[in-house]
């Protein structure tokens, strides 16, 4: 089990380490442009466009799969799986069912077996999200129609090794990566909605940002990753969006490994605590008038960005989002 976990972790790390992120800029740019084109075609269906944005780049990065529309069958599987994960429906029960599979044979009317239907649904969704996109990649690999992606890259690196366990490990690692990113894609979707709300409520901020884009970029192209350093006000809007209304108000629970004292308070060993991100981002001592949307709080007098990157919105430590 530990050896398999290390293999999964190595596959995941190779694909998503900091140095590898820039290789996904093309995919992210293409997905963003696709989302913007969707707005031009149907601006009233903005929520669907926001949802398709993370779906598009996640599927491309992990499986080199380009969703065709909201009705795409793999997108449908992905969104169904995401709803189950976010809602937490049957996840604990699913673990029990996987550990004790004989429970699947219990009839639904059996006392205490009401969890069966939800757990079976989770097991089915988990199997589909692992198997269907993975088999799609393998089928396209046989015809040479696959661009670099997590699954194809790792399968190609093992093409001289006849080991079914390695192939299974790639499938499971891809599913793990897919599941992790799906969970955090919900944060991307929510943050986009919060940004839209902020711009509707504060048209003067939107106008200033647009003026900066027109000045730096012009009107003949869209902003790119290389333009970010020249658009500090736009970056400040991003940080203020994360601070003003964190999409995930609570972070991942942490626990102390040893007893400690902090500002006169005794914290015992194995004490579990939650990161109250919203409370921290609305600390009046650090962010005066915290309920106001003010991108300027992240800018110095000369217009440059402060050192506050709002990284707390993504947690902290080795397991930061």
C-alpha atoms as a PDB file:
ATOM      1  CA  UNK A   1       0.000   0.000   0.000  1.00  0.00           C
ATOM      2  CA  UNK A   2       2.769   2.462   0.928  1.00  0.00           C
ATOM      3  CA  UNK A   3       4.730   1.629  -2.254  1.00  0.00           C
ATOM      4  CA  UNK A   4       1.618   2.249  -4.363  1.00  0.00           C
ATOM      5  CA  UNK A   5       0.971   5.543  -2.565  1.00  0.00           C
ATOM      6  CA  UNK A   6       4.539   6.682  -3.252  1.00  0.00           C
ATOM      7  CA  UNK A   7       4.147   5.823  -6.943  1.00  0.00           C
ATOM      8  CA  UNK A   8       0.872   7.779  -7.127  1.00  0.00           C
ATOM      9  CA  UNK A   9       2.504  10.720  -5.385  1.00  0.00           C
ATOM     10  CA  UNK A  10       5.493  10.664  -7.754  1.00  0.00           C
ATOM     11  CA  UNK A  11       3.249  10.666 -10.835  1.00  0.00           C
ATOM     12  CA  UNK A  12       1.152  13.489  -9.391  1.00  0.00           C
ATOM     13  CA  UNK A  13       4.199  15.544  -8.363  1.00  0.00           C
ATOM     14  CA  UNK A  14       5.919  15.245 -11.742  1.00  0.00           C
ATOM     15  CA  UNK A  15       2.841  16.618 -13.468  1.00  0.00           C
ATOM     16  CA  UNK A  16       1.915  19.378 -11.023  1.00  0.00           C
ATOM     17  CA  UNK A  17       5.150  20.576  -9.443  1.00  0.00           C
ATOM     18  CA  UNK A  18       5.759  24.318  -9.593  1.00  0.00           C
ATOM     19  CA  UNK A  19       8.218  24.051 -12.492  1.00  0.00           C
ATOM     20  CA  UNK A  20       5.619  22.245 -14.613  1.00  0.00           C
ATOM     21  CA  UNK A  21       2.830  24.805 -14.254  1.00  0.00           C
ATOM     22  CA  UNK A  22       4.055  27.014 -17.098  1.00  0.00           C
ATOM     23  CA  UNK A  23       3.652  24.089 -19.512  1.00  0.00           C
ATOM     24  CA  UNK A  24      -0.108  24.358 -19.009  1.00  0.00           C
ATOM     25  CA  UNK A  25      -0.350  28.034 -19.969  1.00  0.00           C
ATOM     26  CA  UNK A  26      -1.375  27.190 -23.533  1.00  0.00           C
ATOM     27  CA  UNK A  27      -4.165  24.920 -22.292  1.00  0.00           C
ATOM     28  CA  UNK A  28      -5.365  27.499 -19.766  1.00  0.00           C
ATOM     29  CA  UNK A  29      -5.290  30.242 -22.394  1.00  0.00           C
ATOM     30  CA  UNK A  30      -7.275  28.130 -24.856  1.00  0.00           C
ATOM     31  CA  UNK A  31      -9.877  27.297 -22.193  1.00  0.00           C
ATOM     32  CA  UNK A  32     -10.181  30.952 -21.170  1.00  0.00           C
ATOM     33  CA  UNK A  33     -10.661  32.049 -24.778  1.00  0.00           C
ATOM     34  CA  UNK A  34     -13.273  29.347 -25.244  1.00  0.00           C
ATOM     35  CA  UNK A  35     -15.119  30.634 -22.169  1.00  0.00           C
ATOM     36  CA  UNK A  36     -15.028  34.226 -23.455  1.00  0.00           C
ATOM     37  CA  UNK A  37     -16.322  33.127 -26.845  1.00  0.00           C
ATOM     38  CA  UNK A  38     -19.177  31.405 -25.020  1.00  0.00           C
ATOM     39  CA  UNK A  39     -20.040  34.723 -23.382  1.00  0.00           C
ATOM     40  CA  UNK A  40     -20.214  36.377 -26.805  1.00  0.00           C
ATOM     41  CA  UNK A  41     -22.534  33.676 -28.124  1.00  0.00           C
ATOM     42  CA  UNK A  42     -24.790  33.368 -25.085  1.00  0.00           C
ATOM     43  CA  UNK A  43     -24.079  35.928 -22.329  1.00  0.00           C
ATOM     44  CA  UNK A  44     -27.125  34.996 -20.247  1.00  0.00           C
ATOM     45  CA  UNK A  45     -25.830  31.466 -19.624  1.00  0.00           C
ATOM     46  CA  UNK A  46     -22.734  32.736 -17.796  1.00  0.00           C
ATOM     47  CA  UNK A  47     -22.850  30.081 -15.062  1.00  0.00           C
ATOM     48  CA  UNK A  48     -22.450  27.289 -17.627  1.00  0.00           C
ATOM     49  CA  UNK A  49     -19.503  29.087 -19.215  1.00  0.00           C
ATOM     50  CA  UNK A  50     -17.856  29.436 -15.796  1.00  0.00           C
ATOM     51  CA  UNK A  51     -18.411  25.731 -15.108  1.00  0.00           C
ATOM     52  CA  UNK A  52     -17.020  24.657 -18.478  1.00  0.00           C
ATOM     53  CA  UNK A  53     -13.814  26.661 -17.988  1.00  0.00           C
ATOM     54  CA  UNK A  54     -12.234  24.432 -15.288  1.00  0.00           C
ATOM     55  CA  UNK A  55     -13.761  21.316 -16.864  1.00  0.00           C
ATOM     56  CA  UNK A  56     -12.039  22.154 -20.133  1.00  0.00           C
ATOM     57  CA  UNK A  57      -8.514  22.651 -18.833  1.00  0.00           C
ATOM     58  CA  UNK A  58      -8.679  19.810 -16.292  1.00  0.00           C
ATOM     59  CA  UNK A  59      -9.680  17.260 -18.919  1.00  0.00           C
ATOM     60  CA  UNK A  60      -7.010  18.588 -21.295  1.00  0.00           C
ATOM     61  CA  UNK A  61      -4.212  18.457 -18.722  1.00  0.00           C
ATOM     62  CA  UNK A  62      -5.002  14.993 -17.372  1.00  0.00           C
ATOM     63  CA  UNK A  63      -6.503  13.234 -20.404  1.00  0.00           C
ATOM     64  CA  UNK A  64      -5.910  15.487 -23.452  1.00  0.00           C
ATOM     65  CA  UNK A  65      -9.662  15.628 -23.871  1.00  0.00           C
ATOM     66  CA  UNK A  66     -11.354  18.695 -25.300  1.00  0.00           C
ATOM     67  CA  UNK A  67     -15.004  18.950 -24.184  1.00  0.00           C
ATOM     68  CA  UNK A  68     -17.321  19.749 -27.066  1.00  0.00           C
ATOM     69  CA  UNK A  69     -20.188  21.318 -25.118  1.00  0.00           C
ATOM     70  CA  UNK A  70     -21.977  21.246 -21.783  1.00  0.00           C
ATOM     71  CA  UNK A  71     -23.709  18.048 -22.902  1.00  0.00           C
ATOM     72  CA  UNK A  72     -20.384  16.258 -23.388  1.00  0.00           C
ATOM     73  CA  UNK A  73     -20.610  12.779 -21.826  1.00  0.00           C
ATOM     74  CA  UNK A  74     -17.287  12.989 -19.955  1.00  0.00           C
ATOM     75  CA  UNK A  75     -18.125  16.473 -18.674  1.00  0.00           C
ATOM     76  CA  UNK A  76     -21.430  15.068 -17.457  1.00  0.00           C
ATOM     77  CA  UNK A  77     -19.624  12.278 -15.581  1.00  0.00           C
ATOM     78  CA  UNK A  78     -17.176  14.798 -14.159  1.00  0.00           C
ATOM     79  CA  UNK A  79     -19.872  17.196 -12.948  1.00  0.00           C
ATOM     80  CA  UNK A  80     -21.877  14.367 -11.405  1.00  0.00           C
ATOM     81  CA  UNK A  81     -18.784  13.104  -9.606  1.00  0.00           C
ATOM     82  CA  UNK A  82     -17.965  16.619  -8.420  1.00  0.00           C
ATOM     83  CA  UNK A  83     -21.450  17.096  -6.988  1.00  0.00           C
ATOM     84  CA  UNK A  84     -21.119  13.858  -5.038  1.00  0.00           C
ATOM     85  CA  UNK A  85     -17.706  14.873  -3.679  1.00  0.00           C
ATOM     86  CA  UNK A  86     -18.693  18.407  -2.731  1.00  0.00           C
ATOM     87  CA  UNK A  87     -21.955  17.306  -1.163  1.00  0.00           C
ATOM     88  CA  UNK A  88     -20.187  14.478   0.644  1.00  0.00           C
ATOM     89  CA  UNK A  89     -23.088  12.168  -0.231  1.00  0.00           C
ATOM     90  CA  UNK A  90     -22.187   8.647   0.724  1.00  0.00           C
ATOM     91  CA  UNK A  91     -18.418   9.160   0.784  1.00  0.00           C
ATOM     92  CA  UNK A  92     -17.951   7.802   4.285  1.00  0.00           C
ATOM     93  CA  UNK A  93     -20.354   4.999   3.489  1.00  0.00           C
ATOM     94  CA  UNK A  94     -18.478   4.279   0.270  1.00  0.00           C
ATOM     95  CA  UNK A  95     -15.291   3.649   2.246  1.00  0.00           C
ATOM     96  CA  UNK A  96     -17.195   1.164   4.408  1.00  0.00           C
ATOM     97  CA  UNK A  97     -18.619  -0.565   1.333  1.00  0.00           C
ATOM     98  CA  UNK A  98     -15.167  -0.843  -0.234  1.00  0.00           C
ATOM     99  CA  UNK A  99     -13.745  -2.296   2.984  1.00  0.00           C
ATOM    100  CA  UNK A 100     -16.667  -4.670   3.537  1.00  0.00           C
ATOM    101  CA  UNK A 101     -18.067  -5.436   0.057  1.00  0.00           C
ATOM    102  CA  UNK A 102     -20.476  -8.046   1.436  1.00  0.00           C
ATOM    103  CA  UNK A 103     -22.601  -5.096   2.626  1.00  0.00           C
ATOM    104  CA  UNK A 104     -23.541  -4.519  -1.018  1.00  0.00           C
ATOM    105  CA  UNK A 105     -25.653  -7.672  -0.807  1.00  0.00           C
ATOM    106  CA  UNK A 106     -27.833  -6.224   1.965  1.00  0.00           C
ATOM    107  CA  UNK A 107     -31.362  -5.337   0.767  1.00  0.00           C
ATOM    108  CA  UNK A 108     -32.297  -1.646   0.875  1.00  0.00           C
ATOM    109  CA  UNK A 109     -35.015  -2.381   3.456  1.00  0.00           C
ATOM    110  CA  UNK A 110     -32.495  -3.883   5.899  1.00  0.00           C
ATOM    111  CA  UNK A 111     -32.269  -1.782   9.134  1.00  0.00           C
ATOM    112  CA  UNK A 112     -29.415   0.718   8.808  1.00  0.00           C
ATOM    113  CA  UNK A 113     -28.890  -0.034   5.115  1.00  0.00           C
ATOM    114  CA  UNK A 114     -30.303   3.243   3.800  1.00  0.00           C
ATOM    115  CA  UNK A 115     -26.700   4.236   3.029  1.00  0.00           C
ATOM    116  CA  UNK A 116     -26.512   1.529   0.356  1.00  0.00           C
ATOM    117  CA  UNK A 117     -28.042   3.487  -2.505  1.00  0.00           C
ATOM    118  CA  UNK A 118     -25.856   6.559  -1.958  1.00  0.00           C
ATOM    119  CA  UNK A 119     -22.747   4.455  -1.499  1.00  0.00           C
ATOM    120  CA  UNK A 120     -23.430   2.432  -4.649  1.00  0.00           C
ATOM    121  CA  UNK A 121     -23.915   5.674  -6.572  1.00  0.00           C
ATOM    122  CA  UNK A 122     -20.540   6.926  -5.317  1.00  0.00           C
ATOM    123  CA  UNK A 123     -18.831   3.657  -6.224  1.00  0.00           C
ATOM    124  CA  UNK A 124     -20.333   3.768  -9.719  1.00  0.00           C
ATOM    125  CA  UNK A 125     -19.314   7.402 -10.238  1.00  0.00           C
ATOM    126  CA  UNK A 126     -15.809   6.680  -8.940  1.00  0.00           C
ATOM    127  CA  UNK A 127     -15.446   3.742 -11.352  1.00  0.00           C
ATOM    128  CA  UNK A 128     -16.707   5.797 -14.306  1.00  0.00           C
ATOM    129  CA  UNK A 129     -14.415   8.735 -13.601  1.00  0.00           C
ATOM    130  CA  UNK A 130     -11.432   6.379 -13.459  1.00  0.00           C
ATOM    131  CA  UNK A 131     -12.252   4.102 -16.347  1.00  0.00           C
ATOM    132  CA  UNK A 132     -14.009   6.066 -19.106  1.00  0.00           C
ATOM    133  CA  UNK A 133     -11.518   8.941 -19.652  1.00  0.00           C
ATOM    134  CA  UNK A 134      -8.576   6.569 -19.168  1.00  0.00           C
ATOM    135  CA  UNK A 135      -9.807   4.118 -21.810  1.00  0.00           C
ATOM    136  CA  UNK A 136     -10.491   7.048 -24.140  1.00  0.00           C
ATOM    137  CA  UNK A 137      -6.829   8.091 -23.883  1.00  0.00           C
ATOM    138  CA  UNK A 138      -5.572   4.553 -24.493  1.00  0.00           C
ATOM    139  CA  UNK A 139      -7.791   4.212 -27.562  1.00  0.00           C
ATOM    140  CA  UNK A 140      -6.500   7.471 -29.049  1.00  0.00           C
ATOM    141  CA  UNK A 141      -2.896   6.541 -28.188  1.00  0.00           C
ATOM    142  CA  UNK A 142      -3.216   3.471 -30.390  1.00  0.00           C
ATOM    143  CA  UNK A 143      -3.878   5.765 -33.357  1.00  0.00           C
ATOM    144  CA  UNK A 144      -1.254   8.345 -32.368  1.00  0.00           C
ATOM    145  CA  UNK A 145      -3.827  11.107 -31.797  1.00  0.00           C
ATOM    146  CA  UNK A 146      -2.879  12.131 -28.266  1.00  0.00           C
ATOM    147  CA  UNK A 147      -1.056  15.290 -27.239  1.00  0.00           C
ATOM    148  CA  UNK A 148       1.081  15.386 -24.063  1.00  0.00           C
ATOM    149  CA  UNK A 149      -1.007  14.880 -20.918  1.00  0.00           C
ATOM    150  CA  UNK A 150      -0.639  13.191 -17.537  1.00  0.00           C
ATOM    151  CA  UNK A 151      -1.940   9.794 -18.652  1.00  0.00           C
ATOM    152  CA  UNK A 152      -0.242   9.596 -22.065  1.00  0.00           C
ATOM    153  CA  UNK A 153       3.108  10.878 -20.766  1.00  0.00           C
ATOM    154  CA  UNK A 154       3.235   8.311 -17.978  1.00  0.00           C
ATOM    155  CA  UNK A 155       1.995   5.434 -20.106  1.00  0.00           C
ATOM    156  CA  UNK A 156       4.562   6.267 -22.784  1.00  0.00           C
ATOM    157  CA  UNK A 157       7.331   6.334 -20.185  1.00  0.00           C
ATOM    158  CA  UNK A 158       6.333   2.799 -19.208  1.00  0.00           C
ATOM    159  CA  UNK A 159       5.858   1.422 -22.716  1.00  0.00           C
ATOM    160  CA  UNK A 160       8.890  -0.821 -22.370  1.00  0.00           C
ATOM    161  CA  UNK A 161       7.792  -2.192 -19.032  1.00  0.00           C
ATOM    162  CA  UNK A 162       5.292  -5.036 -19.176  1.00  0.00           C
ATOM    163  CA  UNK A 163       3.715  -4.492 -15.802  1.00  0.00           C
ATOM    164  CA  UNK A 164      -0.041  -4.281 -15.379  1.00  0.00           C
ATOM    165  CA  UNK A 165       0.425  -2.825 -11.905  1.00  0.00           C
ATOM    166  CA  UNK A 166       2.191   0.226 -13.382  1.00  0.00           C
ATOM    167  CA  UNK A 167      -0.634   0.810 -15.851  1.00  0.00           C
ATOM    168  CA  UNK A 168      -3.149   0.515 -13.030  1.00  0.00           C
ATOM    169  CA  UNK A 169      -1.080   2.935 -10.973  1.00  0.00           C
ATOM    170  CA  UNK A 170      -1.184   5.507 -13.789  1.00  0.00           C
ATOM    171  CA  UNK A 171      -4.967   5.142 -14.043  1.00  0.00           C
ATOM    172  CA  UNK A 172      -5.381   5.526 -10.297  1.00  0.00           C
ATOM    173  CA  UNK A 173      -2.950   8.449 -10.103  1.00  0.00           C
ATOM    174  CA  UNK A 174      -4.783  10.171 -12.954  1.00  0.00           C
ATOM    175  CA  UNK A 175      -8.066   9.626 -11.146  1.00  0.00           C
ATOM    176  CA  UNK A 176      -6.535  10.986  -7.942  1.00  0.00           C
ATOM    177  CA  UNK A 177      -5.232  14.062  -9.753  1.00  0.00           C
ATOM    178  CA  UNK A 178      -8.557  14.464 -11.490  1.00  0.00           C
ATOM    179  CA  UNK A 179     -10.465  14.214  -8.202  1.00  0.00           C
ATOM    180  CA  UNK A 180      -8.193  16.697  -6.412  1.00  0.00           C
ATOM    181  CA  UNK A 181      -8.410  19.237  -9.221  1.00  0.00           C
ATOM    182  CA  UNK A 182     -12.170  18.748  -9.563  1.00  0.00           C
ATOM    183  CA  UNK A 183     -12.628  19.701  -5.912  1.00  0.00           C
ATOM    184  CA  UNK A 184     -10.600  22.835  -6.361  1.00  0.00           C
ATOM    185  CA  UNK A 185     -12.208  23.624  -9.709  1.00  0.00           C
ATOM    186  CA  UNK A 186     -15.334  24.304  -7.688  1.00  0.00           C
ATOM    187  CA  UNK A 187     -13.336  27.067  -6.000  1.00  0.00           C
ATOM    188  CA  UNK A 188     -12.389  28.449  -9.427  1.00  0.00           C
ATOM    189  CA  UNK A 189     -16.041  28.455 -10.495  1.00  0.00           C
ATOM    190  CA  UNK A 190     -17.156  30.136  -7.259  1.00  0.00           C
ATOM    191  CA  UNK A 191     -14.360  32.720  -7.421  1.00  0.00           C
ATOM    192  CA  UNK A 192     -15.387  33.667 -10.970  1.00  0.00           C
ATOM    193  CA  UNK A 193     -18.951  34.206  -9.780  1.00  0.00           C
ATOM    194  CA  UNK A 194     -17.704  36.326  -6.866  1.00  0.00           C
ATOM    195  CA  UNK A 195     -15.542  38.363  -9.249  1.00  0.00           C
ATOM    196  CA  UNK A 196     -18.559  38.952 -11.504  1.00  0.00           C
ATOM    197  CA  UNK A 197     -20.604  40.104  -8.502  1.00  0.00           C
ATOM    198  CA  UNK A 198     -17.826  42.485  -7.436  1.00  0.00           C
ATOM    199  CA  UNK A 199     -17.637  44.029 -10.898  1.00  0.00           C
ATOM    200  CA  UNK A 200     -21.424  44.494 -11.042  1.00  0.00           C
ATOM    201  CA  UNK A 201     -21.442  46.170  -7.626  1.00  0.00           C
ATOM    202  CA  UNK A 202     -18.356  48.276  -8.360  1.00  0.00           C
ATOM    203  CA  UNK A 203     -18.427  49.420 -11.998  1.00  0.00           C
ATOM    204  CA  UNK A 204     -15.768  52.037 -11.229  1.00  0.00           C
ATOM    205  CA  UNK A 205     -13.280  49.233 -10.466  1.00  0.00           C
ATOM    206  CA  UNK A 206     -14.183  47.480 -13.711  1.00  0.00           C
ATOM    207  CA  UNK A 207     -13.754  50.727 -15.674  1.00  0.00           C
ATOM    208  CA  UNK A 208     -10.322  51.363 -14.167  1.00  0.00           C
ATOM    209  CA  UNK A 209      -9.206  47.801 -14.907  1.00  0.00           C
ATOM    210  CA  UNK A 210     -10.429  48.061 -18.495  1.00  0.00           C
ATOM    211  CA  UNK A 211      -8.559  51.343 -18.914  1.00  0.00           C
ATOM    212  CA  UNK A 212      -5.355  49.674 -17.703  1.00  0.00           C
ATOM    213  CA  UNK A 213      -5.835  46.762 -20.125  1.00  0.00           C
ATOM    214  CA  UNK A 214      -6.461  49.132 -23.043  1.00  0.00           C
ATOM    215  CA  UNK A 215      -3.361  51.134 -22.140  1.00  0.00           C
ATOM    216  CA  UNK A 216      -1.007  48.160 -21.751  1.00  0.00           C
ATOM    217  CA  UNK A 217      -2.495  45.592 -24.137  1.00  0.00           C
ATOM    218  CA  UNK A 218      -4.420  47.680 -26.630  1.00  0.00           C
ATOM    219  CA  UNK A 219      -7.567  46.432 -28.343  1.00  0.00           C
ATOM    220  CA  UNK A 220      -6.085  44.034 -30.875  1.00  0.00           C
ATOM    221  CA  UNK A 221      -5.443  41.073 -28.553  1.00  0.00           C
ATOM    222  CA  UNK A 222      -6.343  39.585 -25.180  1.00  0.00           C
ATOM    223  CA  UNK A 223      -4.103  39.716 -22.088  1.00  0.00           C
ATOM    224  CA  UNK A 224      -1.630  36.871 -21.675  1.00  0.00           C
ATOM    225  CA  UNK A 225       0.397  35.458 -18.783  1.00  0.00           C
ATOM    226  CA  UNK A 226       3.411  37.545 -19.790  1.00  0.00           C
ATOM    227  CA  UNK A 227       1.361  40.734 -19.309  1.00  0.00           C
ATOM    228  CA  UNK A 228       0.620  40.119 -15.646  1.00  0.00           C
ATOM    229  CA  UNK A 229       3.566  42.093 -14.256  1.00  0.00           C
ATOM    230  CA  UNK A 230       2.487  45.134 -16.295  1.00  0.00           C
ATOM    231  CA  UNK A 231      -1.065  45.050 -14.885  1.00  0.00           C
ATOM    232  CA  UNK A 232      -0.712  45.444 -11.098  1.00  0.00           C
ATOM    233  CA  UNK A 233      -4.225  46.837 -10.658  1.00  0.00           C
ATOM    234  CA  UNK A 234      -5.700  43.738 -12.300  1.00  0.00           C
ATOM    235  CA  UNK A 235      -3.626  41.585  -9.949  1.00  0.00           C
ATOM    236  CA  UNK A 236      -4.883  43.657  -7.009  1.00  0.00           C
ATOM    237  CA  UNK A 237      -8.482  42.984  -8.106  1.00  0.00           C
ATOM    238  CA  UNK A 238      -7.744  39.247  -8.103  1.00  0.00           C
ATOM    239  CA  UNK A 239      -6.309  39.429  -4.579  1.00  0.00           C
ATOM    240  CA  UNK A 240      -9.204  41.539  -3.332  1.00  0.00           C
ATOM    241  CA  UNK A 241     -11.687  39.063  -4.826  1.00  0.00           C
ATOM    242  CA  UNK A 242     -10.014  36.248  -2.869  1.00  0.00           C
ATOM    243  CA  UNK A 243     -10.001  38.370   0.295  1.00  0.00           C
ATOM    244  CA  UNK A 244     -13.446  39.982   0.026  1.00  0.00           C
ATOM    245  CA  UNK A 245     -15.430  36.761  -0.189  1.00  0.00           C
ATOM    246  CA  UNK A 246     -13.326  33.573   0.054  1.00  0.00           C
ATOM    247  CA  UNK A 247     -14.946  30.822  -1.982  1.00  0.00           C
ATOM    248  CA  UNK A 248     -13.814  28.356   0.701  1.00  0.00           C
ATOM    249  CA  UNK A 249     -14.211  30.103   4.079  1.00  0.00           C
ATOM    250  CA  UNK A 250     -12.687  27.193   6.028  1.00  0.00           C
ATOM    251  CA  UNK A 251      -9.409  25.502   5.175  1.00  0.00           C
ATOM    252  CA  UNK A 252      -8.175  21.966   5.739  1.00  0.00           C
ATOM    253  CA  UNK A 253      -8.094  20.953   9.427  1.00  0.00           C
ATOM    254  CA  UNK A 254      -4.609  20.746  10.944  1.00  0.00           C
ATOM    255  CA  UNK A 255      -3.331  19.147  14.148  1.00  0.00           C
ATOM    256  CA  UNK A 256      -0.374  19.934  16.386  1.00  0.00           C
ATOM    257  CA  UNK A 257       2.385  17.333  16.613  1.00  0.00           C
ATOM    258  CA  UNK A 258       3.703  18.677  19.942  1.00  0.00           C
ATOM    259  CA  UNK A 259       2.383  20.867  22.746  1.00  0.00           C
ATOM    260  CA  UNK A 260       3.123  24.563  22.387  1.00  0.00           C
ATOM    261  CA  UNK A 261       2.430  28.037  23.791  1.00  0.00           C
ATOM    262  CA  UNK A 262       1.293  30.869  21.519  1.00  0.00           C
ATOM    263  CA  UNK A 263       0.708  34.391  22.862  1.00  0.00           C
ATOM    264  CA  UNK A 264       0.019  33.050  26.327  1.00  0.00           C
ATOM    265  CA  UNK A 265      -2.277  30.264  25.130  1.00  0.00           C
ATOM    266  CA  UNK A 266      -1.429  26.617  25.732  1.00  0.00           C
ATOM    267  CA  UNK A 267      -2.029  24.386  22.694  1.00  0.00           C
ATOM    268  CA  UNK A 268      -1.891  20.682  23.570  1.00  0.00           C
ATOM    269  CA  UNK A 269      -0.433  17.977  21.375  1.00  0.00           C
ATOM    270  CA  UNK A 270      -2.820  16.465  18.794  1.00  0.00           C
ATOM    271  CA  UNK A 271      -5.104  19.497  19.064  1.00  0.00           C
ATOM    272  CA  UNK A 272      -7.174  19.821  15.884  1.00  0.00           C
ATOM    273  CA  UNK A 273      -7.911  23.267  14.497  1.00  0.00           C
ATOM    274  CA  UNK A 274      -9.630  24.634  11.411  1.00  0.00           C
ATOM    275  CA  UNK A 275      -8.287  27.491   9.332  1.00  0.00           C
ATOM    276  CA  UNK A 276     -10.922  30.225   9.453  1.00  0.00           C
ATOM    277  CA  UNK A 277      -9.865  31.863   6.215  1.00  0.00           C
ATOM    278  CA  UNK A 278     -12.815  34.252   6.085  1.00  0.00           C
ATOM    279  CA  UNK A 279     -12.111  35.561   9.597  1.00  0.00           C
ATOM    280  CA  UNK A 280      -8.461  36.087   8.700  1.00  0.00           C
ATOM    281  CA  UNK A 281      -9.274  37.848   5.432  1.00  0.00           C
ATOM    282  CA  UNK A 282     -11.682  40.155   7.317  1.00  0.00           C
ATOM    283  CA  UNK A 283      -9.319  41.038  10.146  1.00  0.00           C
ATOM    284  CA  UNK A 284      -9.920  44.793  10.625  1.00  0.00           C
ATOM    285  CA  UNK A 285      -6.403  45.311  11.964  1.00  0.00           C
ATOM    286  CA  UNK A 286      -4.909  44.108   8.692  1.00  0.00           C
ATOM    287  CA  UNK A 287      -7.725  45.008   6.305  1.00  0.00           C
ATOM    288  CA  UNK A 288      -9.576  48.168   7.434  1.00  0.00           C
ATOM    289  CA  UNK A 289     -13.223  48.273   6.311  1.00  0.00           C
ATOM    290  CA  UNK A 290     -13.047  44.571   5.428  1.00  0.00           C
ATOM    291  CA  UNK A 291     -16.525  44.424   3.871  1.00  0.00           C
ATOM    292  CA  UNK A 292     -15.585  47.061   1.292  1.00  0.00           C
ATOM    293  CA  UNK A 293     -14.174  45.970  -2.057  1.00  0.00           C
ATOM    294  CA  UNK A 294     -10.931  47.954  -2.363  1.00  0.00           C
ATOM    295  CA  UNK A 295      -8.227  46.577  -4.678  1.00  0.00           C
ATOM    296  CA  UNK A 296      -6.072  49.567  -3.692  1.00  0.00           C
ATOM    297  CA  UNK A 297      -5.334  47.928  -0.340  1.00  0.00           C
ATOM    298  CA  UNK A 298      -2.909  45.640  -2.232  1.00  0.00           C
ATOM    299  CA  UNK A 299      -1.100  48.526  -3.937  1.00  0.00           C
ATOM    300  CA  UNK A 300       1.625  50.850  -2.673  1.00  0.00           C
ATOM    301  CA  UNK A 301       1.553  54.570  -3.294  1.00  0.00           C
ATOM    302  CA  UNK A 302       3.693  54.152  -6.415  1.00  0.00           C
ATOM    303  CA  UNK A 303       1.180  51.654  -7.848  1.00  0.00           C
ATOM    304  CA  UNK A 304       3.289  48.558  -7.288  1.00  0.00           C
ATOM    305  CA  UNK A 305       1.880  45.475  -5.580  1.00  0.00           C
ATOM    306  CA  UNK A 306       2.394  44.857  -1.868  1.00  0.00           C
ATOM    307  CA  UNK A 307       3.917  41.635  -0.568  1.00  0.00           C
ATOM    308  CA  UNK A 308       0.483  40.393   0.546  1.00  0.00           C
ATOM    309  CA  UNK A 309      -0.373  37.826  -2.133  1.00  0.00           C
ATOM    310  CA  UNK A 310      -3.498  36.508  -0.350  1.00  0.00           C
ATOM    311  CA  UNK A 311      -1.937  33.048  -0.408  1.00  0.00           C
ATOM    312  CA  UNK A 312      -3.986  32.198   2.687  1.00  0.00           C
ATOM    313  CA  UNK A 313      -6.957  31.679   0.344  1.00  0.00           C
ATOM    314  CA  UNK A 314      -5.185  28.502  -0.792  1.00  0.00           C
ATOM    315  CA  UNK A 315      -4.158  27.260   2.660  1.00  0.00           C
ATOM    316  CA  UNK A 316      -0.542  26.876   3.702  1.00  0.00           C
ATOM    317  CA  UNK A 317       2.127  24.337   4.418  1.00  0.00           C
ATOM    318  CA  UNK A 318       3.182  21.439   2.171  1.00  0.00           C
ATOM    319  CA  UNK A 319      -0.456  20.520   1.478  1.00  0.00           C
ATOM    320  CA  UNK A 320      -1.539  24.001   0.393  1.00  0.00           C
ATOM    321  CA  UNK A 321      -4.008  24.036  -2.476  1.00  0.00           C
END
